[in-house]
């Protein structure tokens, strides 16, 4: 319960401070966040983390499926196969794209 109250208080405080800062400050923070996301070092770190996560997911699925056998649902095995297919490919990513 204490954490819920803390969250609500933080949310209210953020809202009040955000409305006082105004649109100009919001645009400034948005520009900074976009520049950070387009930084090559950040992009490389995110890509490496994604590849590592997919690799570990594949290893975990293999270990679990050997122990459980055919009890692994088809939906889960299909999802892991999809992740494995993305891990090896060097396709386009969605970083830095927007519909605006």
N, C-alpha and C. Protein backbone atom coordinates (compact mmCIF):
# COMPACT_ATOMS: atom_id res chain seq x y z
N UNK A 1 0.82 -1.18 0.00
CA UNK A 1 0.00 0.00 0.00
C UNK A 1 0.87 1.26 0.00
N UNK A 2 1.99 1.19 0.73
CA UNK A 2 2.89 2.33 0.81
C UNK A 2 3.43 2.69 -0.56
N UNK A 3 3.73 1.68 -1.37
CA UNK A 3 4.28 1.93 -2.69
C UNK A 3 3.25 2.55 -3.63
N UNK A 4 1.99 2.17 -3.46
CA UNK A 4 0.94 2.76 -4.28
C UNK A 4 0.77 4.24 -3.97
N UNK A 5 0.82 4.57 -2.69
CA UNK A 5 0.69 5.97 -2.28
C UNK A 5 1.89 6.76 -2.80
N UNK A 6 3.08 6.19 -2.67
CA UNK A 6 4.28 6.85 -3.17
C UNK A 6 4.20 7.08 -4.67
N UNK A 7 3.70 6.10 -5.39
CA UNK A 7 3.56 6.24 -6.83
C UNK A 7 2.59 7.35 -7.19
N UNK A 8 1.44 7.39 -6.52
CA UNK A 8 0.43 8.41 -6.80
C UNK A 8 0.96 9.80 -6.47
N UNK A 9 1.67 9.92 -5.35
CA UNK A 9 2.25 11.21 -4.99
C UNK A 9 3.29 11.64 -6.02
N UNK A 10 4.13 10.71 -6.46
CA UNK A 10 5.12 11.02 -7.49
C UNK A 10 4.48 11.40 -8.81
N UNK A 11 3.41 10.72 -9.16
CA UNK A 11 2.68 11.04 -10.38
C UNK A 11 2.07 12.44 -10.30
N UNK A 12 1.48 12.76 -9.20
CA UNK A 12 0.89 14.10 -9.02
C UNK A 12 1.96 15.18 -9.04
N UNK A 13 3.07 14.94 -8.36
CA UNK A 13 4.16 15.90 -8.34
C UNK A 13 4.73 16.11 -9.73
N UNK A 14 4.92 15.03 -10.47
CA UNK A 14 5.41 15.13 -11.84
C UNK A 14 4.45 15.90 -12.73
N UNK A 15 3.18 15.69 -12.54
CA UNK A 15 2.19 16.41 -13.34
C UNK A 15 2.25 17.91 -13.04
N UNK A 16 2.29 18.25 -11.76
CA UNK A 16 2.32 19.67 -11.39
C UNK A 16 3.59 20.33 -11.92
N UNK A 17 4.73 19.70 -11.70
CA UNK A 17 5.98 20.28 -12.19
C UNK A 17 6.01 20.35 -13.71
N UNK A 18 5.45 19.35 -14.35
CA UNK A 18 5.41 19.33 -15.81
C UNK A 18 4.55 20.43 -16.38
N UNK A 19 3.42 20.69 -15.75
CA UNK A 19 2.55 21.75 -16.26
C UNK A 19 3.15 23.13 -16.01
N UNK A 20 3.92 23.26 -14.96
CA UNK A 20 4.57 24.54 -14.70
C UNK A 20 5.74 24.77 -15.65
N UNK A 21 6.41 23.70 -16.05
CA UNK A 21 7.56 23.86 -16.95
C UNK A 21 7.09 24.33 -18.32
N UNK A 22 5.94 23.87 -18.75
CA UNK A 22 5.38 24.32 -20.01
C UNK A 22 5.86 23.53 -21.21
N UNK A 23 5.33 23.91 -22.33
CA UNK A 23 5.58 23.22 -23.60
C UNK A 23 7.04 23.34 -24.05
N UNK A 24 7.64 24.49 -23.79
CA UNK A 24 9.02 24.71 -24.23
C UNK A 24 9.98 23.71 -23.58
N UNK A 25 9.82 23.51 -22.29
CA UNK A 25 10.68 22.55 -21.58
C UNK A 25 10.40 21.13 -22.06
N UNK A 26 9.14 20.82 -22.33
CA UNK A 26 8.78 19.50 -22.84
C UNK A 26 9.48 19.25 -24.18
N UNK A 27 9.44 20.21 -25.07
CA UNK A 27 10.08 20.06 -26.37
C UNK A 27 11.59 19.92 -26.22
N UNK A 28 12.17 20.63 -25.27
CA UNK A 28 13.60 20.53 -25.02
C UNK A 28 13.97 19.12 -24.55
N UNK A 29 13.20 18.55 -23.62
CA UNK A 29 13.46 17.20 -23.13
C UNK A 29 13.24 16.18 -24.24
N UNK A 30 12.24 16.38 -25.07
CA UNK A 30 11.96 15.48 -26.18
C UNK A 30 13.11 15.47 -27.18
N UNK A 31 13.65 16.65 -27.48
CA UNK A 31 14.78 16.75 -28.40
C UNK A 31 16.01 16.04 -27.82
N UNK A 32 16.26 16.21 -26.53
CA UNK A 32 17.39 15.55 -25.88
C UNK A 32 17.23 14.03 -25.92
N UNK A 33 16.04 13.55 -25.66
CA UNK A 33 15.79 12.11 -25.69
C UNK A 33 15.98 11.55 -27.09
N UNK A 34 15.53 12.28 -28.10
CA UNK A 34 15.69 11.84 -29.48
C UNK A 34 17.17 11.79 -29.86
N UNK A 35 17.95 12.80 -29.45
CA UNK A 35 19.38 12.81 -29.74
C UNK A 35 20.08 11.65 -29.05
N UNK A 36 19.68 11.34 -27.83
CA UNK A 36 20.26 10.22 -27.11
C UNK A 36 19.94 8.91 -27.82
N UNK A 37 18.71 8.75 -28.27
CA UNK A 37 18.31 7.52 -28.94
C UNK A 37 19.01 7.35 -30.28
N UNK A 38 19.39 8.45 -30.92
CA UNK A 38 20.07 8.36 -32.21
C UNK A 38 21.58 8.28 -32.08
N UNK A 39 22.09 8.34 -30.87
CA UNK A 39 23.53 8.22 -30.63
C UNK A 39 23.98 6.82 -31.02
N UNK A 40 25.04 6.70 -31.84
CA UNK A 40 25.51 5.37 -32.27
C UNK A 40 25.89 4.44 -31.12
N UNK A 41 26.46 4.98 -30.07
CA UNK A 41 26.85 4.13 -28.94
C UNK A 41 25.61 3.54 -28.26
N UNK A 42 24.57 4.35 -28.11
CA UNK A 42 23.33 3.87 -27.50
C UNK A 42 22.66 2.85 -28.40
N UNK A 43 22.64 3.11 -29.70
CA UNK A 43 22.03 2.17 -30.64
C UNK A 43 22.76 0.83 -30.63
N UNK A 44 24.09 0.87 -30.61
CA UNK A 44 24.87 -0.37 -30.57
C UNK A 44 24.63 -1.15 -29.28
N UNK A 45 24.55 -0.43 -28.16
CA UNK A 45 24.29 -1.10 -26.89
C UNK A 45 22.91 -1.75 -26.89
N UNK A 46 21.92 -1.06 -27.44
CA UNK A 46 20.56 -1.62 -27.50
C UNK A 46 20.52 -2.83 -28.42
N UNK A 47 21.22 -2.76 -29.54
CA UNK A 47 21.25 -3.89 -30.47
C UNK A 47 21.94 -5.09 -29.85
N UNK A 48 23.05 -4.85 -29.16
CA UNK A 48 23.76 -5.93 -28.48
C UNK A 48 22.89 -6.57 -27.40
N UNK A 49 22.19 -5.74 -26.64
CA UNK A 49 21.31 -6.26 -25.60
C UNK A 49 20.18 -7.10 -26.21
N UNK A 50 19.65 -6.66 -27.34
CA UNK A 50 18.60 -7.42 -28.01
C UNK A 50 19.10 -8.77 -28.49
N UNK A 51 20.29 -8.79 -29.10
CA UNK A 51 20.85 -10.06 -29.57
C UNK A 51 21.13 -11.00 -28.40
N UNK A 52 21.68 -10.45 -27.34
CA UNK A 52 21.97 -11.27 -26.16
C UNK A 52 20.69 -11.84 -25.57
N UNK A 53 19.65 -11.02 -25.48
CA UNK A 53 18.37 -11.48 -24.94
C UNK A 53 17.76 -12.60 -25.78
N UNK A 54 17.81 -12.44 -27.12
CA UNK A 54 17.28 -13.48 -27.99
C UNK A 54 18.10 -14.77 -27.87
N UNK A 55 19.42 -14.63 -27.72
CA UNK A 55 20.27 -15.80 -27.57
C UNK A 55 19.94 -16.56 -26.29
N UNK A 56 19.80 -15.83 -25.19
CA UNK A 56 19.45 -16.48 -23.92
C UNK A 56 18.05 -17.07 -23.94
N UNK A 57 17.12 -16.41 -24.62
CA UNK A 57 15.77 -16.95 -24.73
C UNK A 57 15.78 -18.27 -25.49
N UNK A 58 16.58 -18.35 -26.54
CA UNK A 58 16.69 -19.59 -27.30
C UNK A 58 17.29 -20.71 -26.47
N UNK A 59 18.35 -20.38 -25.71
CA UNK A 59 18.98 -21.39 -24.85
C UNK A 59 18.03 -21.86 -23.76
N UNK A 60 17.30 -20.93 -23.17
CA UNK A 60 16.36 -21.30 -22.12
C UNK A 60 15.23 -22.16 -22.69
N UNK A 61 14.74 -21.81 -23.87
CA UNK A 61 13.68 -22.61 -24.48
C UNK A 61 14.17 -24.02 -24.77
N UNK A 62 15.39 -24.14 -25.28
CA UNK A 62 15.94 -25.46 -25.58
C UNK A 62 16.07 -26.28 -24.30
N UNK A 63 16.58 -25.67 -23.23
CA UNK A 63 16.74 -26.40 -21.97
C UNK A 63 15.39 -26.82 -21.41
N UNK A 64 14.41 -25.95 -21.47
CA UNK A 64 13.09 -26.29 -20.94
C UNK A 64 12.41 -27.33 -21.81
N UNK A 65 12.51 -27.20 -23.12
CA UNK A 65 11.83 -28.15 -24.00
C UNK A 65 12.42 -29.55 -23.89
N UNK A 66 13.72 -29.66 -23.59
CA UNK A 66 14.31 -30.98 -23.39
C UNK A 66 13.77 -31.63 -22.11
N UNK A 67 13.51 -30.81 -21.10
CA UNK A 67 13.01 -31.36 -19.84
C UNK A 67 11.51 -31.62 -19.89
N UNK A 68 10.76 -30.77 -20.60
CA UNK A 68 9.31 -30.89 -20.61
C UNK A 68 8.83 -31.76 -21.76
N UNK A 69 9.59 -31.82 -22.81
CA UNK A 69 9.20 -32.63 -23.96
C UNK A 69 8.20 -31.91 -24.83
N UNK A 70 7.14 -32.60 -25.23
CA UNK A 70 6.14 -32.05 -26.15
C UNK A 70 5.09 -31.20 -25.43
N UNK A 71 5.25 -30.95 -24.16
CA UNK A 71 4.26 -30.19 -23.41
C UNK A 71 4.38 -28.68 -23.65
N UNK A 72 5.40 -28.25 -24.39
CA UNK A 72 5.56 -26.83 -24.68
C UNK A 72 4.49 -26.43 -25.70
N UNK A 73 3.70 -25.41 -25.40
CA UNK A 73 2.63 -25.00 -26.33
C UNK A 73 3.21 -24.54 -27.68
N UNK A 74 2.43 -24.79 -28.73
CA UNK A 74 2.86 -24.41 -30.07
C UNK A 74 3.04 -22.90 -30.19
N UNK A 75 2.21 -22.13 -29.50
CA UNK A 75 2.33 -20.67 -29.58
C UNK A 75 3.68 -20.20 -29.04
N UNK A 76 4.15 -20.81 -27.97
CA UNK A 76 5.44 -20.44 -27.40
C UNK A 76 6.58 -20.87 -28.31
N UNK A 77 6.53 -22.07 -28.81
CA UNK A 77 7.61 -22.53 -29.68
C UNK A 77 7.67 -21.71 -30.96
N UNK A 78 6.53 -21.30 -31.49
CA UNK A 78 6.51 -20.44 -32.68
C UNK A 78 7.12 -19.08 -32.40
N UNK A 79 6.83 -18.54 -31.23
CA UNK A 79 7.39 -17.23 -30.86
C UNK A 79 8.91 -17.31 -30.74
N UNK A 80 9.42 -18.37 -30.12
CA UNK A 80 10.87 -18.52 -29.96
C UNK A 80 11.53 -18.72 -31.32
N UNK A 81 10.89 -19.48 -32.20
CA UNK A 81 11.46 -19.65 -33.55
C UNK A 81 11.54 -18.31 -34.26
N UNK A 82 10.54 -17.46 -34.07
CA UNK A 82 10.55 -16.13 -34.66
C UNK A 82 11.69 -15.28 -34.12
N UNK A 83 11.94 -15.39 -32.83
CA UNK A 83 13.05 -14.65 -32.23
C UNK A 83 14.39 -15.16 -32.73
N UNK A 84 14.50 -16.45 -32.89
CA UNK A 84 15.75 -17.01 -33.42
C UNK A 84 16.02 -16.51 -34.82
N UNK A 85 14.98 -16.41 -35.63
CA UNK A 85 15.15 -15.93 -37.00
C UNK A 85 15.61 -14.49 -37.04
N UNK A 86 15.16 -13.67 -36.10
CA UNK A 86 15.58 -12.27 -36.06
C UNK A 86 16.99 -12.13 -35.54
N UNK A 87 17.45 -13.07 -34.71
CA UNK A 87 18.76 -12.93 -34.09
C UNK A 87 19.88 -12.99 -35.12
N UNK A 88 19.72 -13.80 -36.14
CA UNK A 88 20.79 -13.95 -37.10
C UNK A 88 20.76 -12.92 -38.20
N UNK A 89 19.61 -12.33 -38.44
CA UNK A 89 19.48 -11.39 -39.55
C UNK A 89 19.97 -10.02 -39.17
N UNK A 90 20.44 -9.30 -40.18
CA UNK A 90 20.89 -7.94 -39.95
C UNK A 90 19.92 -6.98 -40.62
N UNK A 91 18.62 -7.23 -40.42
CA UNK A 91 17.60 -6.44 -41.07
C UNK A 91 17.46 -5.06 -40.47
N UNK A 92 16.54 -4.32 -41.03
CA UNK A 92 16.28 -2.97 -40.57
C UNK A 92 15.63 -3.01 -39.19
N UNK A 93 15.93 -2.00 -38.41
CA UNK A 93 15.26 -1.88 -37.13
C UNK A 93 14.34 -0.67 -37.16
N UNK A 94 13.59 -0.47 -36.09
CA UNK A 94 12.61 0.61 -36.02
C UNK A 94 13.13 1.83 -35.28
N UNK A 95 14.43 1.88 -35.00
CA UNK A 95 14.99 2.99 -34.25
C UNK A 95 14.91 4.26 -35.09
N UNK A 96 14.49 5.32 -34.45
CA UNK A 96 14.51 6.63 -35.07
C UNK A 96 13.42 6.86 -36.09
N UNK A 97 12.49 5.92 -36.23
CA UNK A 97 11.42 6.14 -37.17
C UNK A 97 10.23 6.74 -36.46
N UNK A 98 9.47 7.52 -37.17
CA UNK A 98 8.25 8.07 -36.59
C UNK A 98 7.23 8.27 -37.70
N UNK A 99 6.01 8.39 -37.30
CA UNK A 99 4.93 8.58 -38.25
C UNK A 99 4.48 10.03 -38.28
N UNK A 100 5.27 10.90 -37.68
CA UNK A 100 4.87 12.31 -37.64
C UNK A 100 5.53 13.11 -38.72
